[in-house]
Protein backbone atom coordinates (compact mmCIF):
# COMPACT_ATOMS: atom_id res chain seq x y z
CA UNK A 1 93.77 94.03 89.55
CA UNK A 2 91.15 93.76 92.30
CA UNK A 3 91.06 93.02 95.91
CA UNK A 4 90.80 89.42 96.33
CA UNK A 5 88.96 87.17 98.77
CA UNK A 6 89.88 83.63 99.44
CA UNK A 7 88.11 80.20 100.24
CA UNK A 8 89.06 79.31 103.94
CA UNK A 9 91.11 76.44 104.54
CA UNK A 10 89.80 74.76 107.55
CA UNK A 11 91.87 72.39 109.63
CA UNK A 12 90.35 70.10 112.16
CA UNK A 13 92.84 69.53 115.25
CA UNK A 14 92.85 67.55 118.34
CA UNK A 15 92.66 70.70 120.51
CA UNK A 16 90.27 72.58 117.83
CA UNK A 17 87.03 74.27 118.97
CA UNK A 18 83.61 75.16 117.78
CA UNK A 19 84.07 79.17 117.55
CA UNK A 20 85.29 79.44 113.89
CA UNK A 21 82.47 78.18 111.92
CA UNK A 22 80.12 80.85 113.35
CA UNK A 23 82.79 83.48 113.47
CA UNK A 24 83.06 83.09 109.84
CA UNK A 25 79.34 82.77 108.85
CA UNK A 26 79.98 79.37 107.28
CA UNK A 27 77.31 76.92 106.37
CA UNK A 28 79.52 73.82 107.69
CA UNK A 29 79.01 70.78 110.15
CA UNK A 30 82.57 70.23 110.58
CA UNK A 31 83.68 69.90 114.18
CA UNK A 32 86.81 70.50 116.01
CA UNK A 33 87.97 73.09 113.75
CA UNK A 34 91.24 74.46 115.20
CA UNK A 35 92.47 76.78 112.40
CA UNK A 36 91.31 78.63 109.36
CA UNK A 37 94.05 79.43 106.99
CA UNK A 38 92.65 82.70 105.29
CA UNK A 39 95.71 83.54 103.15
CA UNK A 40 98.32 80.85 102.35
CA UNK A 41 101.04 80.19 99.57
CA UNK A 42 101.99 76.98 101.72
CA UNK A 43 102.85 74.03 99.16
CA UNK A 44 99.59 71.82 99.28
CA UNK A 45 97.70 74.18 101.32
CA UNK A 46 97.50 77.23 98.52
CA UNK A 47 94.46 79.29 99.03
CA UNK A 48 91.95 79.84 96.01
CA UNK A 49 90.46 82.59 94.88
CA UNK A 50 86.97 83.12 95.74
CA UNK A 51 85.71 86.27 93.86
CA UNK A 52 86.07 88.04 90.50
CA UNK A 53 87.67 87.08 87.26
CA UNK A 54 90.65 85.02 88.85
CA UNK A 55 88.03 82.89 90.93
CA UNK A 56 89.23 79.37 91.06
CA UNK A 57 93.23 79.94 90.73
CA UNK A 58 95.22 79.39 93.72
CA UNK A 59 97.68 81.94 95.42
CA UNK A 60 100.92 80.48 94.02
CA UNK A 61 99.15 80.66 90.42
CA UNK A 62 98.16 84.26 90.95
CA UNK A 63 101.77 85.25 92.13
CA UNK A 64 103.34 83.55 88.95
CA UNK A 65 100.59 85.26 86.73
CA UNK A 66 100.83 88.73 87.90
CA UNK A 67 104.43 88.74 89.90
CA UNK A 68 105.01 92.31 90.92
CA UNK A 69 101.78 93.55 90.30
CA UNK A 70 100.22 91.41 93.06
CA UNK A 71 103.10 91.22 95.62
CA UNK A 72 105.30 94.39 94.93
CA UNK A 73 108.70 94.58 93.22
CA UNK A 74 110.92 94.19 96.34
CA UNK A 75 108.87 91.37 97.49
CA UNK A 76 109.19 89.44 94.24
CA UNK A 77 112.82 90.13 93.84
CA UNK A 78 113.14 88.75 97.74
CA UNK A 79 110.69 85.86 97.52
CA UNK A 80 110.00 84.86 94.07
CA UNK A 81 106.79 83.00 93.28
CA UNK A 82 106.35 82.21 97.26
CA UNK A 83 103.69 84.41 98.68
CA UNK A 84 105.78 85.61 101.91
CA UNK A 85 102.98 85.64 104.82
CA UNK A 86 100.43 83.01 105.83
CA UNK A 87 97.25 84.36 107.77
CA UNK A 88 95.37 82.30 110.40
CA UNK A 89 92.57 82.33 112.71
CA UNK A 90 93.11 79.89 115.48
CA UNK A 91 90.64 78.46 118.20
CA UNK A 92 92.26 76.41 120.77
CA UNK A 93 89.75 74.23 123.04
CA UNK A 94 92.54 72.76 124.57
CA UNK A 95 96.13 73.85 125.37
CA UNK A 96 98.60 73.58 122.25
CA UNK A 97 102.00 71.89 122.70
CA UNK A 98 104.92 74.02 123.78
CA UNK A 99 106.96 74.80 120.44
CA UNK A 100 109.36 76.80 118.85
CA UNK A 101 110.28 78.06 115.04
CA UNK A 102 113.54 78.28 113.51
CA UNK A 103 114.82 81.40 111.99
CA UNK A 104 115.22 81.90 108.24
CA UNK A 105 118.87 81.11 108.31
CA UNK A 106 118.29 77.76 110.11
CA UNK A 107 115.27 76.82 108.27
CA UNK A 108 116.98 77.19 105.12
CA UNK A 109 119.99 75.26 106.09
CA UNK A 110 117.72 72.33 107.63
CA UNK A 111 114.42 72.40 105.37
CA UNK A 112 115.22 74.89 102.55
CA UNK A 113 112.25 76.90 103.82
CA UNK A 114 111.71 80.20 105.40
CA UNK A 115 111.79 80.33 109.35
CA UNK A 116 108.74 81.45 111.16
CA UNK A 117 108.25 84.78 112.92
CA UNK A 118 104.90 85.45 113.86
CA UNK A 119 102.53 87.61 115.75
CA UNK A 120 99.17 86.97 117.59
CA UNK A 121 96.32 89.23 118.11
CA UNK A 122 93.74 87.94 120.84
CA UNK A 123 90.17 88.05 119.17
CA UNK A 124 88.60 86.58 122.24
CA UNK A 125 89.35 84.74 125.37
CA UNK A 126 87.40 82.35 127.71
CA UNK A 127 87.69 82.99 131.43
CA UNK A 128 91.12 81.74 132.54
CA UNK A 129 92.56 81.61 128.94
CA UNK A 130 96.48 81.91 128.84
CA UNK A 131 99.24 82.38 126.37
CA UNK A 132 102.78 81.41 127.02
CA UNK A 133 105.87 83.48 125.47
CA UNK A 134 109.35 83.34 126.28
CA UNK A 135 111.14 82.26 129.57
CA UNK A 136 110.71 83.53 132.90
CA UNK A 137 114.15 82.88 134.18
CA UNK A 138 117.43 82.03 132.63
CA UNK A 139 118.24 78.37 131.48
CA UNK A 140 120.49 77.00 129.20
CA UNK A 141 120.42 74.24 126.54
CA UNK A 142 121.41 71.51 129.03
CA UNK A 143 118.76 72.57 131.52
CA UNK A 144 116.19 72.82 128.76
CA UNK A 145 116.66 69.20 127.60
CA UNK A 146 116.63 68.04 131.37
CA UNK A 147 113.45 69.99 132.06
CA UNK A 148 111.63 68.66 128.97
CA UNK A 149 112.57 64.92 130.30
CA UNK A 150 111.19 65.59 133.68
CA UNK A 151 108.13 67.38 132.72
CA UNK A 152 109.08 70.93 134.36
CA UNK A 153 109.64 73.17 131.05
CA UNK A 154 106.32 74.92 131.80
CA UNK A 155 107.66 76.24 135.15
CA UNK A 156 110.45 78.40 133.40
CA UNK A 157 107.79 79.80 130.87
CA UNK A 158 106.14 82.99 131.25
CA UNK A 159 102.56 82.67 131.34
CA UNK A 160 100.11 85.59 130.55
CA UNK A 161 96.36 85.76 131.25
CA UNK A 162 94.75 87.03 128.16
CA UNK A 163 91.74 89.23 126.75
CA UNK A 164 90.63 90.55 123.69
CA UNK A 165 93.16 93.16 122.14
CA UNK A 166 96.22 91.80 123.54
CA UNK A 167 99.17 91.25 121.19
CA UNK A 168 102.45 89.08 121.23
CA UNK A 169 105.22 89.17 118.76
CA UNK A 170 106.95 85.88 118.49
CA UNK A 171 110.37 86.36 116.80
CA UNK A 172 111.81 82.85 115.58
CA UNK A 173 113.43 81.30 118.41
CA UNK A 174 110.95 82.27 121.20
CA UNK A 175 109.45 79.35 123.03
CA UNK A 176 105.76 79.75 123.13
CA UNK A 177 102.22 78.05 123.16
CA UNK A 178 98.53 78.77 122.80
CA UNK A 179 96.37 77.95 125.81
CA UNK A 180 92.79 76.46 126.09
CA UNK A 181 90.00 79.23 125.41
CA UNK A 182 92.09 81.64 123.29
CA UNK A 183 90.78 82.52 119.88
CA UNK A 184 93.47 84.41 118.11
CA UNK A 185 94.49 85.79 114.42
CA UNK A 186 97.95 84.84 113.58
CA UNK A 187 100.42 86.59 111.24
CA UNK A 188 103.50 84.55 110.15
CA UNK A 189 106.24 84.22 107.45
CA UNK A 190 105.27 81.48 104.94
CA UNK A 191 106.58 78.20 106.73
CA UNK A 192 104.88 75.45 108.20
CA UNK A 193 108.09 74.13 110.26
CA UNK A 194 107.27 73.76 113.99
CA UNK A 195 109.68 72.19 116.47
CA UNK A 196 107.40 70.49 119.28
CA UNK A 197 109.23 70.59 122.41
CA UNK A 198 106.42 69.59 124.88
CA UNK A 199 103.06 68.06 124.78
CA UNK A 200 101.94 67.23 128.20
CA UNK A 201 102.36 63.78 127.56
CA UNK A 202 98.96 63.56 125.46
CA UNK A 203 98.01 60.30 123.80
CA UNK A 204 95.88 60.12 120.67
CA UNK A 205 92.79 57.75 120.05
CA UNK A 206 95.40 54.92 119.44
CA UNK A 207 97.41 55.57 122.77
CA UNK A 208 100.42 57.14 120.98
CA UNK A 209 101.95 60.33 122.07
CA UNK A 210 103.00 62.88 119.43
CA UNK A 211 106.41 63.11 118.16
CA UNK A 212 108.75 65.72 119.93
CA UNK A 213 111.41 67.54 118.42
CA UNK A 214 113.62 68.18 121.56
CA UNK A 215 117.13 68.17 119.81
CA UNK A 216 115.98 70.19 116.62
CA UNK A 217 114.61 72.65 119.05
CA UNK A 218 117.36 73.01 121.37
CA UNK A 219 119.65 74.79 118.73
CA UNK A 220 116.76 77.09 117.43
CA UNK A 221 115.66 78.44 120.90
CA UNK A 222 116.83 81.96 121.84
CA UNK A 223 117.40 81.54 125.62
CA UNK A 224 117.46 85.12 126.33
CA UNK A 225 114.92 86.42 129.19
CA UNK A 226 112.79 89.73 128.68
CA UNK A 227 111.00 91.43 131.56
CA UNK A 228 107.71 91.47 129.46
CA UNK A 229 106.95 89.77 126.17
CA UNK A 230 103.70 91.35 125.28
CA UNK A 231 103.48 94.34 122.86
CA UNK A 232 101.92 97.05 124.49
CA UNK A 233 99.98 100.03 122.76
CA UNK A 234 97.36 103.00 123.35
CA UNK A 235 93.98 101.96 122.01
CA UNK A 236 92.45 104.71 120.00
CA UNK A 237 89.35 105.04 117.64
CA UNK A 238 89.57 106.08 113.87
CA UNK A 239 93.57 106.14 113.93
CA UNK A 240 95.94 103.32 112.63
CA UNK A 241 97.93 102.02 115.54
CA UNK A 242 100.88 100.29 114.51
CA UNK A 243 101.39 96.84 116.40
CA UNK A 244 104.45 95.36 114.69
CA UNK A 245 107.31 96.79 112.70
CA UNK A 246 109.76 94.10 111.54
CA UNK A 247 111.32 92.93 108.42
CA UNK A 248 108.87 90.03 107.94
CA UNK A 249 105.72 92.21 108.21
CA UNK A 250 104.27 95.24 109.50
CA UNK A 251 100.96 95.37 111.18
CA UNK A 252 98.46 98.00 112.14
CA UNK A 253 95.12 98.26 113.90
CA UNK A 254 92.06 100.06 113.18
CA UNK A 255 89.26 100.34 115.40
CA UNK A 256 86.69 102.55 113.12
CA UNK A 257 83.49 104.06 113.63
CA UNK A 258 84.06 106.49 110.59
CA UNK A 259 85.18 106.20 107.20
CA UNK A 260 88.94 106.15 106.56
CA UNK A 261 91.29 106.33 103.37
CA UNK A 262 94.50 104.72 103.13
CA UNK A 263 97.10 106.08 100.69
CA UNK A 264 99.17 103.06 99.46
CA UNK A 265 100.83 104.90 96.43
CA UNK A 266 104.17 104.85 97.99
CA UNK A 267 104.18 101.31 99.28
CA UNK A 268 105.90 98.59 97.18
CA UNK A 269 103.67 95.79 98.77
CA UNK A 270 100.43 94.00 98.85
CA UNK A 271 98.25 94.77 101.81
CA UNK A 272 95.99 92.37 103.86
CA UNK A 273 92.95 93.32 105.82
CA UNK A 274 91.79 90.89 108.56
CA UNK A 275 88.30 91.66 109.84
CA UNK A 276 87.87 90.82 113.49
CA UNK A 277 84.68 92.70 114.44
CA UNK A 278 81.74 94.37 112.42
CA UNK A 279 81.48 94.97 108.82
CA UNK A 280 82.71 97.31 106.21
CA UNK A 281 82.65 98.36 102.60
CA UNK A 282 86.11 98.64 100.78
CA UNK A 283 86.62 100.72 97.73
CA UNK A 284 89.83 101.07 95.78
CA UNK A 285 91.16 103.52 93.40
CA UNK A 286 90.06 101.60 90.49
CA UNK A 287 86.58 101.64 91.33
CA UNK A 288 86.38 98.02 92.66
CA UNK A 289 84.49 97.62 95.87
CA UNK A 290 83.68 94.66 98.30
CA UNK A 291 82.09 94.20 101.67
CA UNK A 292 83.93 92.17 104.37
CA UNK A 293 82.70 91.24 107.86
CA UNK A 294 84.10 89.75 110.85
CA UNK A 295 85.69 86.52 109.82
CA UNK A 296 86.89 87.64 106.49
CA UNK A 297 90.12 88.60 105.06
CA UNK A 298 91.04 90.33 101.71
CA UNK A 299 94.23 90.71 99.73
CA UNK A 300 94.85 94.11 98.17
CA UNK A 301 97.43 93.64 95.14
CA UNK A 302 100.31 96.05 94.96
CA UNK A 303 98.89 97.95 92.16
CA UNK A 304 96.40 99.28 94.48
CA UNK A 305 96.96 102.93 95.10
CA UNK A 306 94.54 103.91 97.87
CA UNK A 307 91.32 102.54 99.40
CA UNK A 308 88.55 103.69 101.34
CA UNK A 309 87.16 101.86 104.34
CA UNK A 310 83.68 102.57 105.39
CA UNK A 311 82.47 100.91 108.50
CA UNK A 312 78.68 99.61 108.59
CA UNK A 313 76.23 100.57 111.40
CA UNK A 314 78.31 98.98 114.36
CA UNK A 315 81.61 100.17 113.51
CA UNK A 316 84.76 97.52 112.47
CA UNK A 317 87.90 96.37 113.70
CA UNK A 318 90.48 95.34 111.33
CA UNK A 319 94.10 94.35 111.13
CA UNK A 320 96.25 95.63 108.19
CA UNK A 321 99.71 94.00 107.33
CA UNK A 322 101.90 94.05 104.60
CA UNK A 323 105.71 93.11 103.96
């Protein structure tokens, strides 16, 4: 097998902006693009291979065909033909709704689906851009419902001014929202289940408000209060920096000015590289090589033993993630 690139799945959204098309170097006149789904096995939104002999196959077909060779033995045993991660770029021109996602257990019971634990890496932020994550003070399910009804739920959410490089880990159950001006990479479980808690009473072109899932969300929320919901790390050049280690995914940041070799011989998983700045050449142990640049994502199959990443002149910033 060889490193895979995919056709992006572009999503026009009410709140979408104008950064994704140029960021991904696409020749497209689409406007209001809020999301680019980079690697997706979500039913009805499966990514299609864009390179090599398997070009034209979608990700679910790839998993069915290659099984453990693509995803790893433990992952195939755990997830079967479902590819376990969904990778997105998100450009918010307006505030997104306040929302929460169910745990695996609750999602299985209610929707026969995985839940959604996710993480955000801030690629860029307009002046004044914010993210909300977690509660700022202790409330219970009763007060939550009252605050949704009287439009004060945002008063008890922790709000952060954001800058490029900020990281947030969002376990299922944590209330959160993406603010206007945020441009982020999102790594999440393969699930499209979102409970919308509050949408600022916005109306669509027909004067209708969007559906809220107040009751479903109430039982999905984790009401604990933490001192700080950010992920703190020391930035360092030319060394992998682990940002998240969880049962759902492990993610590291590479900020590279020189060649790095990655040994995956002991790893029983696929690996995904998400390029956020610059460009690089990626060579694997089987002699395959491809270039990737900002806005591109590649999937290394589980059969890959090692890769060498060679930054081009301006250096490169990558996220590496696997299960």
